[in-house]
Amino acid sequence: MQCHYCDRSADLTVEKGGLKVGVCEEHFQERLDDISDSETLEQLRDQLEIDRS
């Protein structure tokens, strides 16, 4: 699968509701940086039920 943002191969793919999206590591890190400064990351943690040790 190809990255959603560029022509590189996707390192991470996510599927929800039949829609599959892939991103390369660089674009994944950029998106993670974008959401880390917002409430979006906390909402994502709640959705995925992620607990930090």
C-alpha atoms as a PDB file:
ATOM      1  CA  MET A   1       0.000   0.000   0.000  1.00  0.00           C
ATOM      2  CA  GLN A   2       1.141   3.532  -0.761  1.00  0.00           C
ATOM      3  CA  CYS A   3       1.323   6.437   1.714  1.00  0.00           C
ATOM      4  CA  HIS A   4      -1.762   8.675   1.646  1.00  0.00           C
ATOM      5  CA  TYR A   5       0.478  11.781   1.484  1.00  0.00           C
ATOM      6  CA  CYS A   6       3.320  10.742  -0.834  1.00  0.00           C
ATOM      7  CA  ASP A   7       4.500   8.032  -3.231  1.00  0.00           C
ATOM      8  CA  ARG A   8       6.431   5.990  -0.642  1.00  0.00           C
ATOM      9  CA  SER A   9       5.283   2.635   0.662  1.00  0.00           C
ATOM     10  CA  ALA A  10       3.067   2.790   3.719  1.00  0.00           C
ATOM     11  CA  ASP A  11       4.710   1.664   6.970  1.00  0.00           C
ATOM     12  CA  LEU A  12       1.405   1.770   8.848  1.00  0.00           C
ATOM     13  CA  THR A  13      -2.085   0.975   7.615  1.00  0.00           C
ATOM     14  CA  VAL A  14      -5.375   1.501   9.390  1.00  0.00           C
ATOM     15  CA  GLU A  15      -8.783   0.210   8.402  1.00  0.00           C
ATOM     16  CA  LYS A  16     -12.134   1.387   9.711  1.00  0.00           C
ATOM     17  CA  GLY A  17     -15.550   0.908   8.211  1.00  0.00           C
ATOM     18  CA  GLY A  18     -14.108  -0.706   5.106  1.00  0.00           C
ATOM     19  CA  LEU A  19     -11.809   2.246   4.384  1.00  0.00           C
ATOM     20  CA  LYS A  20      -8.076   1.485   4.477  1.00  0.00           C
ATOM     21  CA  VAL A  21      -5.450   4.259   4.720  1.00  0.00           C
ATOM     22  CA  GLY A  22      -1.676   3.952   4.840  1.00  0.00           C
ATOM     23  CA  VAL A  23       1.105   6.359   5.816  1.00  0.00           C
ATOM     24  CA  CYS A  24       4.890   6.247   5.691  1.00  0.00           C
ATOM     25  CA  GLU A  25       6.870   6.698   8.904  1.00  0.00           C
ATOM     26  CA  GLU A  26       7.695  10.346   8.159  1.00  0.00           C
ATOM     27  CA  HIS A  27       4.070  11.342   7.596  1.00  0.00           C
ATOM     28  CA  PHE A  28       2.938   9.278  10.572  1.00  0.00           C
ATOM     29  CA  GLN A  29       5.356  11.222  12.795  1.00  0.00           C
ATOM     30  CA  GLU A  30       4.166  14.542  11.349  1.00  0.00           C
ATOM     31  CA  ARG A  31       0.521  13.684  12.013  1.00  0.00           C
ATOM     32  CA  LEU A  32       1.375  12.440  15.514  1.00  0.00           C
ATOM     33  CA  ASP A  33       3.151  15.741  16.248  1.00  0.00           C
ATOM     34  CA  ASP A  34       0.095  17.640  14.999  1.00  0.00           C
ATOM     35  CA  ILE A  35      -2.337  15.823  17.274  1.00  0.00           C
ATOM     36  CA  SER A  36      -0.042  15.632  20.318  1.00  0.00           C
ATOM     37  CA  ASP A  37      -0.681  19.313  21.000  1.00  0.00           C
ATOM     38  CA  SER A  38      -4.464  18.931  20.979  1.00  0.00           C
ATOM     39  CA  GLU A  39      -7.269  17.095  22.733  1.00  0.00           C
ATOM     40  CA  THR A  40      -7.412  14.737  19.773  1.00  0.00           C
ATOM     41  CA  LEU A  41      -4.656  12.513  21.194  1.00  0.00           C
ATOM     42  CA  GLU A  42      -6.514  12.101  24.496  1.00  0.00           C
ATOM     43  CA  GLN A  43      -9.698  11.223  22.605  1.00  0.00           C
ATOM     44  CA  LEU A  44      -7.768   8.692  20.538  1.00  0.00           C
ATOM     45  CA  ARG A  45      -6.302   7.121  23.683  1.00  0.00           C
ATOM     46  CA  ASP A  46      -9.818   6.826  25.119  1.00  0.00           C
ATOM     47  CA  GLN A  47     -11.108   5.205  21.917  1.00  0.00           C
ATOM     48  CA  LEU A  48      -8.242   2.712  21.836  1.00  0.00           C
ATOM     49  CA  GLU A  49      -8.285   2.208  25.620  1.00  0.00           C
ATOM     50  CA  ILE A  50      -4.553   2.880  25.912  1.00  0.00           C
ATOM     51  CA  ASP A  51      -3.119   3.127  29.423  1.00  0.00           C
ATOM     52  CA  ARG A  52       0.393   4.342  30.117  1.00  0.00           C
ATOM     53  CA  SER A  53       2.433   2.527  32.738  1.00  0.00           C
END
